[in-house]
Amino acid sequence: MYSRAGLIVLVLLSACSNNGDKPLAVAFTKKLYYTDYAATLHTTDELTAADSLQQLNAFVNNWIKDCVLAHKAEENLSADEKDVNALLEAYKNSLLVFRYQQKLISDRLDTNVTDKEMRSYFEANKDNFILHKNIVKLRFVKVNTDNRTVSVMKRLIRRDDAKSRMQLAGLCKMNAVNYFLDDETWLEWDDVKKEIPLPAYNDEHFLKNNKYLEIPEGQFIYLVNLQDYRTQQSTSDFEFERDKIRKIILQQRSIALIKQAEADILNEAIGEGQVQVNME
């Protein structure tokens, strides 16, 4: 067994040594040199001296632990149990294939997904886009009740014309404590309730029966204009699912690209006589 304190002393002495051939640590017949540690560092790392020493200590401790455990395994496993060549070869092949697949995707995948493609996918797969939460589109403003612009805000927030929207945005910037005016963006209702002190109510019933609200709380008043909503267990809205759909389409393209590349590579190898099957 080795003590952690002993290892830290070892690292301190070794790291401070000017002898580049002196190992940082020794475990049975294996030796760890500072160059082995340096090879794992990133040139962009910016660490304090204390952090660097802590990182070096951790690296040495882990290296010793791995060596000791591997030595114990060597002593206690039979020759057959220690034969991992087949597993290593399989893992190597799997890793190489995976890296090649990622390179294919990086080099060849068409990442341009049109709005028409995404809408078409959404329409064809609506059953896969059932909401598990309520979502809303809204505008809301939180402002001090004694603010002189409150009455104007109440009027403007209920209007949908461009001029009123611009006027409201200007007033909010100067006077509101908090506000959200992008009513083209879908929000999860649960997130909205964290910002607005809404009355305890059945959410679905509330959304169906309220369009505009004024909610006083202490020194503030909340002005809320609900523009649209979708309740849980109903079909979601395309815009709410846009990013998800794009990822799905790109994933499907990636799979198709890899399958086609695998088929082409296999056919090429067969055509060149590089593959033989002897089943007789």
C-alpha atoms as a PDB file:
ATOM      1  CA  MET A   1       0.000   0.000   0.000  1.00  0.00           C
ATOM      2  CA  TYR A   2       1.075   3.586  -0.526  1.00  0.00           C
ATOM      3  CA  SER A   3       0.156   6.688   1.427  1.00  0.00           C
ATOM      4  CA  ARG A   4      -1.258   9.769  -0.255  1.00  0.00           C
ATOM      5  CA  ALA A   5       1.064  11.979   1.768  1.00  0.00           C
ATOM      6  CA  GLY A   6       4.036   9.977   0.523  1.00  0.00           C
ATOM      7  CA  LEU A   7       2.914  10.393  -3.068  1.00  0.00           C
ATOM      8  CA  ILE A   8       2.555  14.155  -2.717  1.00  0.00           C
ATOM      9  CA  VAL A   9       6.085  14.393  -1.342  1.00  0.00           C
ATOM     10  CA  LEU A  10       7.309  12.242  -4.220  1.00  0.00           C
ATOM     11  CA  VAL A  11       5.642  14.525  -6.764  1.00  0.00           C
ATOM     12  CA  LEU A  12       6.975  17.668  -5.141  1.00  0.00           C
ATOM     13  CA  LEU A  13      10.523  16.362  -5.156  1.00  0.00           C
ATOM     14  CA  SER A  14      10.321  15.016  -8.694  1.00  0.00           C
ATOM     15  CA  ALA A  15       8.597  18.029 -10.195  1.00  0.00           C
ATOM     16  CA  CYS A  16      11.185  20.357  -8.720  1.00  0.00           C
ATOM     17  CA  SER A  17      14.120  18.259  -9.913  1.00  0.00           C
ATOM     18  CA  ASN A  18      16.129  19.455 -12.860  1.00  0.00           C
ATOM     19  CA  ASN A  19      16.975  15.881 -13.765  1.00  0.00           C
ATOM     20  CA  GLY A  20      14.709  15.100 -16.739  1.00  0.00           C
ATOM     21  CA  ASP A  21      15.588  11.377 -16.544  1.00  0.00           C
ATOM     22  CA  LYS A  22      14.346  10.961 -12.987  1.00  0.00           C
ATOM     23  CA  PRO A  23      10.898   9.311 -12.926  1.00  0.00           C
ATOM     24  CA  LEU A  24       8.001  10.979 -11.168  1.00  0.00           C
ATOM     25  CA  ALA A  25       6.895   7.601  -9.853  1.00  0.00           C
ATOM     26  CA  VAL A  26       7.780   3.916  -9.983  1.00  0.00           C
ATOM     27  CA  ALA A  27       5.373   1.008  -9.626  1.00  0.00           C
ATOM     28  CA  PHE A  28       6.925  -2.467  -9.852  1.00  0.00           C
ATOM     29  CA  THR A  29       8.777  -2.450 -13.202  1.00  0.00           C
ATOM     30  CA  LYS A  30       6.956   0.559 -14.655  1.00  0.00           C
ATOM     31  CA  LYS A  31       8.179   4.124 -14.536  1.00  0.00           C
ATOM     32  CA  LEU A  32       6.318   7.378 -15.029  1.00  0.00           C
ATOM     33  CA  TYR A  33       8.229  10.391 -16.350  1.00  0.00           C
ATOM     34  CA  TYR A  34       7.235  14.005 -16.423  1.00  0.00           C
ATOM     35  CA  THR A  35       7.182  13.853 -20.225  1.00  0.00           C
ATOM     36  CA  ASP A  36       4.367  11.268 -19.964  1.00  0.00           C
ATOM     37  CA  TYR A  37       2.335  13.742 -17.927  1.00  0.00           C
ATOM     38  CA  ALA A  38       3.221  16.710 -20.150  1.00  0.00           C
ATOM     39  CA  ALA A  39       1.876  14.849 -23.195  1.00  0.00           C
ATOM     40  CA  THR A  40      -1.613  14.912 -21.641  1.00  0.00           C
ATOM     41  CA  LEU A  41      -1.660  18.685 -21.126  1.00  0.00           C
ATOM     42  CA  HIS A  42      -3.381  21.197 -23.379  1.00  0.00           C
ATOM     43  CA  THR A  43      -1.400  24.281 -24.298  1.00  0.00           C
ATOM     44  CA  THR A  44      -4.491  26.417 -23.657  1.00  0.00           C
ATOM     45  CA  ASP A  45      -4.719  25.346 -20.001  1.00  0.00           C
ATOM     46  CA  GLU A  46      -4.239  28.321 -17.671  1.00  0.00           C
ATOM     47  CA  LEU A  47      -3.677  27.040 -14.137  1.00  0.00           C
ATOM     48  CA  THR A  48      -2.217  28.578 -11.015  1.00  0.00           C
ATOM     49  CA  ALA A  49       0.865  26.981  -9.512  1.00  0.00           C
ATOM     50  CA  ALA A  50      -1.287  25.386  -6.803  1.00  0.00           C
ATOM     51  CA  ASP A  51      -3.779  24.035  -9.345  1.00  0.00           C
ATOM     52  CA  SER A  52      -0.970  22.697 -11.528  1.00  0.00           C
ATOM     53  CA  LEU A  53       0.566  20.860  -8.593  1.00  0.00           C
ATOM     54  CA  GLN A  54      -2.808  19.439  -7.581  1.00  0.00           C
ATOM     55  CA  GLN A  55      -3.419  18.236 -11.146  1.00  0.00           C
ATOM     56  CA  LEU A  56       0.039  16.640 -11.284  1.00  0.00           C
ATOM     57  CA  ASN A  57      -0.522  14.897  -7.954  1.00  0.00           C
ATOM     58  CA  ALA A  58      -3.842  13.514  -9.146  1.00  0.00           C
ATOM     59  CA  PHE A  59      -2.267  12.234 -12.373  1.00  0.00           C
ATOM     60  CA  VAL A  60       0.533  10.439 -10.513  1.00  0.00           C
ATOM     61  CA  ASN A  61      -1.852   8.949  -7.948  1.00  0.00           C
ATOM     62  CA  ASN A  62      -4.120   7.597 -10.683  1.00  0.00           C
ATOM     63  CA  TRP A  63      -1.165   6.190 -12.608  1.00  0.00           C
ATOM     64  CA  ILE A  64       0.108   4.327  -9.544  1.00  0.00           C
ATOM     65  CA  LYS A  65      -3.357   2.981  -8.749  1.00  0.00           C
ATOM     66  CA  ASP A  66      -3.769   1.695 -12.310  1.00  0.00           C
ATOM     67  CA  CYS A  67      -0.339   0.042 -12.271  1.00  0.00           C
ATOM     68  CA  VAL A  68      -0.922  -1.632  -8.908  1.00  0.00           C
ATOM     69  CA  LEU A  69      -4.343  -2.951  -9.911  1.00  0.00           C
ATOM     70  CA  ALA A  70      -3.039  -4.177 -13.269  1.00  0.00           C
ATOM     71  CA  HIS A  71      -0.153  -5.967 -11.522  1.00  0.00           C
ATOM     72  CA  LYS A  72      -2.566  -7.659  -9.133  1.00  0.00           C
ATOM     73  CA  ALA A  73      -4.746  -8.737 -12.071  1.00  0.00           C
ATOM     74  CA  GLU A  74      -1.708 -10.191 -13.861  1.00  0.00           C
ATOM     75  CA  GLU A  75      -0.885 -12.246 -10.768  1.00  0.00           C
ATOM     76  CA  ASN A  76      -4.387 -13.624 -10.268  1.00  0.00           C
ATOM     77  CA  LEU A  77      -5.686 -14.314 -13.779  1.00  0.00           C
ATOM     78  CA  SER A  78      -4.972 -17.387 -15.867  1.00  0.00           C
ATOM     79  CA  ALA A  79      -3.344 -17.140 -19.284  1.00  0.00           C
ATOM     80  CA  ASP A  80      -6.712 -17.526 -20.991  1.00  0.00           C
ATOM     81  CA  GLU A  81      -8.294 -14.885 -18.753  1.00  0.00           C
ATOM     82  CA  LYS A  82      -5.466 -12.472 -19.521  1.00  0.00           C
ATOM     83  CA  ASP A  83      -5.756 -12.945 -23.278  1.00  0.00           C
ATOM     84  CA  VAL A  84      -7.505  -9.739 -24.324  1.00  0.00           C
ATOM     85  CA  ASN A  85      -6.066  -9.499 -27.819  1.00  0.00           C
ATOM     86  CA  ALA A  86      -9.368 -10.368 -29.495  1.00  0.00           C
ATOM     87  CA  LEU A  87     -11.217  -7.817 -27.380  1.00  0.00           C
ATOM     88  CA  LEU A  88      -8.592  -5.159 -28.068  1.00  0.00           C
ATOM     89  CA  GLU A  89      -8.737  -5.833 -31.794  1.00  0.00           C
ATOM     90  CA  ALA A  90     -12.539  -5.626 -31.791  1.00  0.00           C
ATOM     91  CA  TYR A  91     -12.444  -2.400 -29.809  1.00  0.00           C
ATOM     92  CA  LYS A  92      -9.785  -0.936 -32.089  1.00  0.00           C
ATOM     93  CA  ASN A  93     -11.811  -1.797 -35.187  1.00  0.00           C
ATOM     94  CA  SER A  94     -14.971  -0.383 -33.657  1.00  0.00           C
ATOM     95  CA  LEU A  95     -13.194   2.846 -32.701  1.00  0.00           C
ATOM     96  CA  LEU A  96     -11.615   3.248 -36.136  1.00  0.00           C
ATOM     97  CA  VAL A  97     -14.951   2.649 -37.885  1.00  0.00           C
ATOM     98  CA  PHE A  98     -16.666   5.159 -35.600  1.00  0.00           C
ATOM     99  CA  ARG A  99     -14.026   7.804 -36.306  1.00  0.00           C
ATOM    100  CA  TYR A 100     -14.308   7.175 -40.035  1.00  0.00           C
ATOM    101  CA  GLN A 101     -18.087   7.495 -39.835  1.00  0.00           C
ATOM    102  CA  GLN A 102     -17.724  10.820 -38.027  1.00  0.00           C
ATOM    103  CA  LYS A 103     -15.307  12.009 -40.718  1.00  0.00           C
ATOM    104  CA  LEU A 104     -17.770  10.984 -43.436  1.00  0.00           C
ATOM    105  CA  ILE A 105     -20.531  12.940 -41.727  1.00  0.00           C
ATOM    106  CA  SER A 106     -18.277  15.967 -41.246  1.00  0.00           C
ATOM    107  CA  ASP A 107     -17.083  15.927 -44.863  1.00  0.00           C
ATOM    108  CA  ARG A 108     -20.196  14.878 -46.767  1.00  0.00           C
ATOM    109  CA  LEU A 109     -23.356  15.541 -44.790  1.00  0.00           C
ATOM    110  CA  ASP A 110     -25.645  18.142 -46.305  1.00  0.00           C
ATOM    111  CA  THR A 111     -26.682  20.238 -43.305  1.00  0.00           C
ATOM    112  CA  ASN A 112     -29.019  22.524 -45.243  1.00  0.00           C
ATOM    113  CA  VAL A 113     -32.543  21.684 -44.060  1.00  0.00           C
ATOM    114  CA  THR A 114     -35.270  23.756 -45.674  1.00  0.00           C
ATOM    115  CA  ASP A 115     -38.388  25.012 -43.968  1.00  0.00           C
ATOM    116  CA  LYS A 116     -40.444  22.985 -46.452  1.00  0.00           C
ATOM    117  CA  GLU A 117     -38.661  19.762 -45.453  1.00  0.00           C
ATOM    118  CA  MET A 118     -39.203  20.403 -41.766  1.00  0.00           C
ATOM    119  CA  ARG A 119     -42.879  21.271 -42.191  1.00  0.00           C
ATOM    120  CA  SER A 120     -43.403  18.200 -44.346  1.00  0.00           C
ATOM    121  CA  TYR A 121     -41.824  15.991 -41.692  1.00  0.00           C
ATOM    122  CA  PHE A 122     -43.951  17.599 -38.988  1.00  0.00           C
ATOM    123  CA  GLU A 123     -47.185  17.077 -40.932  1.00  0.00           C
ATOM    124  CA  ALA A 124     -46.325  13.448 -41.656  1.00  0.00           C
ATOM    125  CA  ASN A 125     -45.367  12.689 -38.056  1.00  0.00           C
ATOM    126  CA  LYS A 126     -47.754  14.728 -35.920  1.00  0.00           C
ATOM    127  CA  ASP A 127     -48.446  11.752 -33.682  1.00  0.00           C
ATOM    128  CA  ASN A 128     -44.807  11.965 -32.566  1.00  0.00           C
ATOM    129  CA  PHE A 129     -45.219  15.570 -31.450  1.00  0.00           C
ATOM    130  CA  ILE A 130     -47.713  15.326 -28.628  1.00  0.00           C
ATOM    131  CA  LEU A 131     -47.097  17.852 -25.894  1.00  0.00           C
ATOM    132  CA  HIS A 132     -46.278  16.735 -22.381  1.00  0.00           C
ATOM    133  CA  LYS A 133     -46.469  20.304 -21.055  1.00  0.00           C
ATOM    134  CA  ASN A 134     -48.612  23.347 -21.695  1.00  0.00           C
ATOM    135  CA  ILE A 135     -47.032  25.994 -23.918  1.00  0.00           C
ATOM    136  CA  VAL A 136     -48.015  29.601 -24.543  1.00  0.00           C
ATOM    137  CA  LYS A 137     -47.294  32.696 -26.566  1.00  0.00           C
ATOM    138  CA  LEU A 138     -47.646  35.900 -24.596  1.00  0.00           C
ATOM    139  CA  ARG A 139     -46.546  39.396 -23.734  1.00  0.00           C
ATOM    140  CA  PHE A 140     -46.110  40.444 -20.145  1.00  0.00           C
ATOM    141  CA  VAL A 141     -44.877  43.455 -18.218  1.00  0.00           C
ATOM    142  CA  LYS A 142     -43.960  43.812 -14.547  1.00  0.00           C
ATOM    143  CA  VAL A 143     -43.994  47.426 -13.409  1.00  0.00           C
ATOM    144  CA  ASN A 144     -44.357  49.442 -10.191  1.00  0.00           C
ATOM    145  CA  THR A 145     -47.997  50.264  -9.542  1.00  0.00           C
ATOM    146  CA  ASP A 146     -47.183  53.945  -8.982  1.00  0.00           C
ATOM    147  CA  ASN A 147     -45.294  54.295 -12.267  1.00  0.00           C
ATOM    148  CA  ARG A 148     -46.870  57.052 -14.345  1.00  0.00           C
ATOM    149  CA  THR A 149     -46.814  54.919 -17.527  1.00  0.00           C
ATOM    150  CA  VAL A 150     -48.913  52.027 -16.155  1.00  0.00           C
ATOM    151  CA  SER A 151     -52.166  53.208 -17.716  1.00  0.00           C
ATOM    152  CA  VAL A 152     -50.508  53.629 -21.108  1.00  0.00           C
ATOM    153  CA  MET A 153     -48.907  50.175 -20.848  1.00  0.00           C
ATOM    154  CA  LYS A 154     -52.305  48.653 -20.063  1.00  0.00           C
ATOM    155  CA  ARG A 155     -53.652  50.068 -23.285  1.00  0.00           C
ATOM    156  CA  LEU A 156     -50.666  49.258 -25.499  1.00  0.00           C
ATOM    157  CA  ILE A 157     -50.131  45.658 -24.354  1.00  0.00           C
ATOM    158  CA  ARG A 158     -53.614  44.758 -25.591  1.00  0.00           C
ATOM    159  CA  ARG A 159     -52.954  46.099 -29.089  1.00  0.00           C
ATOM    160  CA  ASP A 160     -51.312  44.125 -31.892  1.00  0.00           C
ATOM    161  CA  ASP A 161     -50.369  46.857 -34.378  1.00  0.00           C
ATOM    162  CA  ALA A 162     -46.689  47.566 -35.040  1.00  0.00           C
ATOM    163  CA  LYS A 163     -46.803  51.140 -33.745  1.00  0.00           C
ATOM    164  CA  SER A 164     -48.265  50.100 -30.384  1.00  0.00           C
ATOM    165  CA  ARG A 165     -45.714  47.305 -30.061  1.00  0.00           C
ATOM    166  CA  MET A 166     -42.842  49.752 -30.630  1.00  0.00           C
ATOM    167  CA  GLN A 167     -44.270  52.233 -28.127  1.00  0.00           C
ATOM    168  CA  LEU A 168     -44.704  49.502 -25.513  1.00  0.00           C
ATOM    169  CA  ALA A 169     -41.145  48.252 -26.043  1.00  0.00           C
ATOM    170  CA  GLY A 170     -39.814  51.769 -25.507  1.00  0.00           C
ATOM    171  CA  LEU A 171     -41.816  52.263 -22.317  1.00  0.00           C
ATOM    172  CA  CYS A 172     -40.746  48.871 -20.965  1.00  0.00           C
ATOM    173  CA  LYS A 173     -37.099  49.601 -21.597  1.00  0.00           C
ATOM    174  CA  MET A 174     -37.324  52.774 -19.530  1.00  0.00           C
ATOM    175  CA  ASN A 175     -39.838  51.821 -16.832  1.00  0.00           C
ATOM    176  CA  ALA A 176     -40.504  48.071 -16.474  1.00  0.00           C
ATOM    177  CA  VAL A 177     -38.949  45.909 -13.771  1.00  0.00           C
ATOM    178  CA  ASN A 178     -39.274  42.875 -16.038  1.00  0.00           C
ATOM    179  CA  TYR A 179     -40.946  42.233 -19.379  1.00  0.00           C
ATOM    180  CA  PHE A 180     -41.238  39.825 -22.316  1.00  0.00           C
ATOM    181  CA  LEU A 181     -42.734  41.009 -25.598  1.00  0.00           C
ATOM    182  CA  ASP A 182     -41.730  38.358 -28.148  1.00  0.00           C
ATOM    183  CA  ASP A 183     -45.123  36.748 -28.642  1.00  0.00           C
ATOM    184  CA  GLU A 184     -43.893  34.751 -31.640  1.00  0.00           C
ATOM    185  CA  THR A 185     -41.893  32.509 -29.333  1.00  0.00           C
ATOM    186  CA  TRP A 186     -43.470  29.540 -27.564  1.00  0.00           C
ATOM    187  CA  LEU A 187     -42.757  29.271 -23.849  1.00  0.00           C
ATOM    188  CA  GLU A 188     -43.416  26.465 -21.412  1.00  0.00           C
ATOM    189  CA  TRP A 189     -46.253  27.498 -19.126  1.00  0.00           C
ATOM    190  CA  ASP A 190     -44.439  26.166 -16.056  1.00  0.00           C
ATOM    191  CA  ASP A 191     -41.572  28.578 -16.772  1.00  0.00           C
ATOM    192  CA  VAL A 192     -44.003  31.487 -17.163  1.00  0.00           C
ATOM    193  CA  LYS A 193     -45.550  30.737 -13.773  1.00  0.00           C
ATOM    194  CA  LYS A 194     -42.128  31.167 -12.177  1.00  0.00           C
ATOM    195  CA  GLU A 195     -42.073  34.787 -13.361  1.00  0.00           C
ATOM    196  CA  ILE A 196     -45.718  35.755 -12.868  1.00  0.00           C
ATOM    197  CA  PRO A 197     -47.703  35.225  -9.637  1.00  0.00           C
ATOM    198  CA  LEU A 198     -50.693  33.583 -11.291  1.00  0.00           C
ATOM    199  CA  PRO A 199     -53.600  32.383  -9.136  1.00  0.00           C
ATOM    200  CA  ALA A 200     -53.676  28.689  -8.243  1.00  0.00           C
ATOM    201  CA  TYR A 201     -55.931  27.209 -10.877  1.00  0.00           C
ATOM    202  CA  ASN A 202     -56.419  24.329 -13.261  1.00  0.00           C
ATOM    203  CA  ASP A 203     -53.895  25.304 -15.923  1.00  0.00           C
ATOM    204  CA  GLU A 204     -55.848  24.073 -18.933  1.00  0.00           C
ATOM    205  CA  HIS A 205     -59.053  25.741 -17.782  1.00  0.00           C
ATOM    206  CA  PHE A 206     -57.155  28.933 -16.995  1.00  0.00           C
ATOM    207  CA  LEU A 207     -55.588  29.109 -20.449  1.00  0.00           C
ATOM    208  CA  LYS A 208     -58.896  28.499 -22.173  1.00  0.00           C
ATOM    209  CA  ASN A 209     -60.694  31.216 -20.246  1.00  0.00           C
ATOM    210  CA  ASN A 210     -58.192  34.052 -19.993  1.00  0.00           C
ATOM    211  CA  LYS A 211     -56.828  36.393 -22.607  1.00  0.00           C
ATOM    212  CA  TYR A 212     -55.740  39.470 -20.686  1.00  0.00           C
ATOM    213  CA  LEU A 213     -54.870  39.764 -16.989  1.00  0.00           C
ATOM    214  CA  GLU A 214     -53.822  42.450 -14.558  1.00  0.00           C
ATOM    215  CA  ILE A 215     -52.299  40.898 -11.434  1.00  0.00           C
ATOM    216  CA  PRO A 216     -51.370  43.209  -8.554  1.00  0.00           C
ATOM    217  CA  GLU A 217     -48.809  41.953  -6.043  1.00  0.00           C
ATOM    218  CA  GLY A 218     -47.387  44.260  -3.419  1.00  0.00           C
ATOM    219  CA  GLN A 219     -45.832  47.288  -5.067  1.00  0.00           C
ATOM    220  CA  PHE A 220     -45.958  45.718  -8.536  1.00  0.00           C
ATOM    221  CA  ILE A 221     -48.565  44.979 -11.148  1.00  0.00           C
ATOM    222  CA  TYR A 222     -48.237  42.317 -13.837  1.00  0.00           C
ATOM    223  CA  LEU A 223     -49.870  42.921 -17.220  1.00  0.00           C
ATOM    224  CA  VAL A 224     -50.314  39.709 -19.226  1.00  0.00           C
ATOM    225  CA  ASN A 225     -51.642  39.286 -22.762  1.00  0.00           C
ATOM    226  CA  LEU A 226     -52.003  35.610 -23.720  1.00  0.00           C
ATOM    227  CA  GLN A 227     -51.740  35.347 -27.493  1.00  0.00           C
ATOM    228  CA  ASP A 228     -51.967  31.599 -28.039  1.00  0.00           C
ATOM    229  CA  TYR A 229     -51.628  28.311 -26.196  1.00  0.00           C
ATOM    230  CA  ARG A 230     -51.401  24.539 -26.603  1.00  0.00           C
ATOM    231  CA  THR A 231     -52.322  22.230 -23.769  1.00  0.00           C
ATOM    232  CA  GLN A 232     -50.581  19.012 -22.817  1.00  0.00           C
ATOM    233  CA  GLN A 233     -51.672  15.880 -24.674  1.00  0.00           C
ATOM    234  CA  SER A 234     -52.518  17.997 -27.722  1.00  0.00           C
ATOM    235  CA  THR A 235     -50.467  18.242 -30.915  1.00  0.00           C
ATOM    236  CA  SER A 236     -47.544  20.588 -30.552  1.00  0.00           C
ATOM    237  CA  ASP A 237     -46.866  23.584 -32.773  1.00  0.00           C
ATOM    238  CA  PHE A 238     -44.376  23.381 -35.623  1.00  0.00           C
ATOM    239  CA  GLU A 239     -42.367  26.401 -34.474  1.00  0.00           C
ATOM    240  CA  PHE A 240     -41.996  24.937 -30.989  1.00  0.00           C
ATOM    241  CA  GLU A 241     -40.586  21.733 -32.514  1.00  0.00           C
ATOM    242  CA  ARG A 242     -38.487  23.300 -35.276  1.00  0.00           C
ATOM    243  CA  ASP A 243     -35.040  22.674 -33.727  1.00  0.00           C
ATOM    244  CA  LYS A 244     -35.971  19.126 -32.751  1.00  0.00           C
ATOM    245  CA  ILE A 245     -37.207  18.352 -36.274  1.00  0.00           C
ATOM    246  CA  ARG A 246     -34.017  19.701 -37.833  1.00  0.00           C
ATOM    247  CA  LYS A 247     -31.928  17.427 -35.603  1.00  0.00           C
ATOM    248  CA  ILE A 248     -34.096  14.422 -36.520  1.00  0.00           C
ATOM    249  CA  ILE A 249     -33.724  15.079 -40.246  1.00  0.00           C
ATOM    250  CA  LEU A 250     -29.947  15.486 -39.937  1.00  0.00           C
ATOM    251  CA  GLN A 251     -29.750  12.262 -37.920  1.00  0.00           C
ATOM    252  CA  GLN A 252     -31.701  10.415 -40.603  1.00  0.00           C
ATOM    253  CA  ARG A 253     -29.397  11.807 -43.290  1.00  0.00           C
ATOM    254  CA  SER A 254     -26.348  10.743 -41.277  1.00  0.00           C
ATOM    255  CA  ILE A 255     -27.635   7.174 -40.966  1.00  0.00           C
ATOM    256  CA  ALA A 256     -28.457   7.022 -44.677  1.00  0.00           C
ATOM    257  CA  LEU A 257     -25.032   8.450 -45.571  1.00  0.00           C
ATOM    258  CA  ILE A 258     -23.206   5.889 -43.453  1.00  0.00           C
ATOM    259  CA  LYS A 259     -25.248   2.963 -44.807  1.00  0.00           C
ATOM    260  CA  GLN A 260     -24.620   4.025 -48.384  1.00  0.00           C
ATOM    261  CA  ALA A 261     -20.904   4.511 -47.721  1.00  0.00           C
ATOM    262  CA  GLU A 262     -20.673   1.067 -46.093  1.00  0.00           C
ATOM    263  CA  ALA A 263     -22.378  -0.534 -49.095  1.00  0.00           C
ATOM    264  CA  ASP A 264     -20.094   1.289 -51.555  1.00  0.00           C
ATOM    265  CA  ILE A 265     -16.950   0.330 -49.618  1.00  0.00           C
ATOM    266  CA  LEU A 266     -18.018  -3.314 -49.384  1.00  0.00           C
ATOM    267  CA  ASN A 267     -18.884  -3.513 -53.086  1.00  0.00           C
ATOM    268  CA  GLU A 268     -15.563  -1.904 -53.977  1.00  0.00           C
ATOM    269  CA  ALA A 269     -13.624  -4.443 -51.904  1.00  0.00           C
ATOM    270  CA  ILE A 270     -15.550  -7.339 -53.474  1.00  0.00           C
ATOM    271  CA  GLY A 271     -15.055  -5.941 -56.970  1.00  0.00           C
ATOM    272  CA  GLU A 272     -11.300  -5.689 -56.404  1.00  0.00           C
ATOM    273  CA  GLY A 273     -11.114  -9.260 -55.159  1.00  0.00           C
ATOM    274  CA  GLN A 274     -10.127  -8.204 -51.647  1.00  0.00           C
ATOM    275  CA  VAL A 275     -12.906 -10.279 -50.055  1.00  0.00           C
ATOM    276  CA  GLN A 276     -13.292 -14.046 -50.222  1.00  0.00           C
ATOM    277  CA  VAL A 277     -15.884 -16.320 -48.653  1.00  0.00           C
ATOM    278  CA  ASN A 278     -15.132 -20.017 -48.235  1.00  0.00           C
ATOM    279  CA  MET A 279     -18.159 -21.719 -46.739  1.00  0.00           C
ATOM    280  CA  GLU A 280     -17.852 -25.131 -48.456  1.00  0.00           C
END
